[in-house]
Protein backbone atom coordinates (compact mmCIF):
# COMPACT_ATOMS: atom_id res chain seq x y z
CA MET A 1 0.73 -6.22 15.76
CA ALA A 2 2.68 -6.72 12.54
CA GLU A 3 0.78 -7.26 9.31
CA LYS A 4 1.73 -9.96 6.83
CA ILE A 5 3.64 -8.83 3.76
CA HIS A 6 1.85 -9.18 0.44
CA PRO A 7 3.26 -12.24 -1.43
CA GLU A 8 4.23 -10.18 -4.50
CA LEU A 9 6.16 -7.70 -2.34
CA GLU A 10 7.90 -10.55 -0.55
CA ARG A 11 8.89 -12.10 -3.90
CA ARG A 12 10.32 -8.80 -5.14
CA LEU A 13 12.25 -8.28 -1.90
CA ARG A 14 13.81 -11.74 -2.24
CA ILE A 15 14.95 -10.84 -5.77
CA LEU A 16 16.51 -7.56 -4.54
CA GLU A 17 18.27 -9.26 -1.64
CA ASN A 18 19.87 -11.88 -3.91
CA PRO A 19 23.66 -11.18 -4.08
CA GLU A 20 23.73 -12.15 -7.77
CA ASN A 21 21.55 -9.11 -8.56
CA GLU A 22 23.95 -6.63 -6.96
CA GLY A 23 26.99 -4.83 -8.25
CA ARG A 24 26.08 -3.98 -11.82
CA ASP A 25 27.23 -0.48 -12.67
CA PHE A 26 25.99 1.87 -15.35
CA ASP A 27 27.68 1.65 -18.73
CA GLY A 28 29.07 4.65 -20.58
CA LEU A 29 25.86 5.40 -22.45
CA ALA A 30 23.84 5.40 -19.22
CA TRP A 31 26.33 7.80 -17.58
CA ALA A 32 26.20 10.09 -20.61
CA ALA A 33 22.39 10.13 -20.50
CA LEU A 34 22.35 10.82 -16.75
CA ILE A 35 24.82 13.68 -17.03
CA GLY A 36 23.23 15.08 -20.18
CA LEU A 37 19.65 14.99 -19.00
CA GLY A 38 20.35 15.76 -15.35
CA ILE A 39 23.01 18.47 -15.58
CA VAL A 40 23.68 19.78 -19.07
CA LEU A 41 20.10 20.06 -20.34
CA PRO A 42 18.80 21.93 -17.25
CA ILE A 43 21.73 24.37 -17.47
CA ILE A 44 20.98 25.02 -21.15
CA ILE A 45 17.28 25.53 -20.40
CA ILE A 46 18.11 27.98 -17.60
CA LEU A 47 20.50 29.94 -19.80
CA VAL A 48 18.04 30.09 -22.70
CA GLY A 49 15.21 31.15 -20.41
CA ARG A 50 17.07 34.24 -19.18
């Protein structure tokens, strides 16, 4: 037997499924932060820790 979805969860799912909320890409600053914090910084920490 399926349980009912909590109203707040249902509201959030409707927002996510709305086509107007899709398709926004990261800007240049967000890409720089992702690459810097996710790739460059760990490499530097590994090299310094040797």
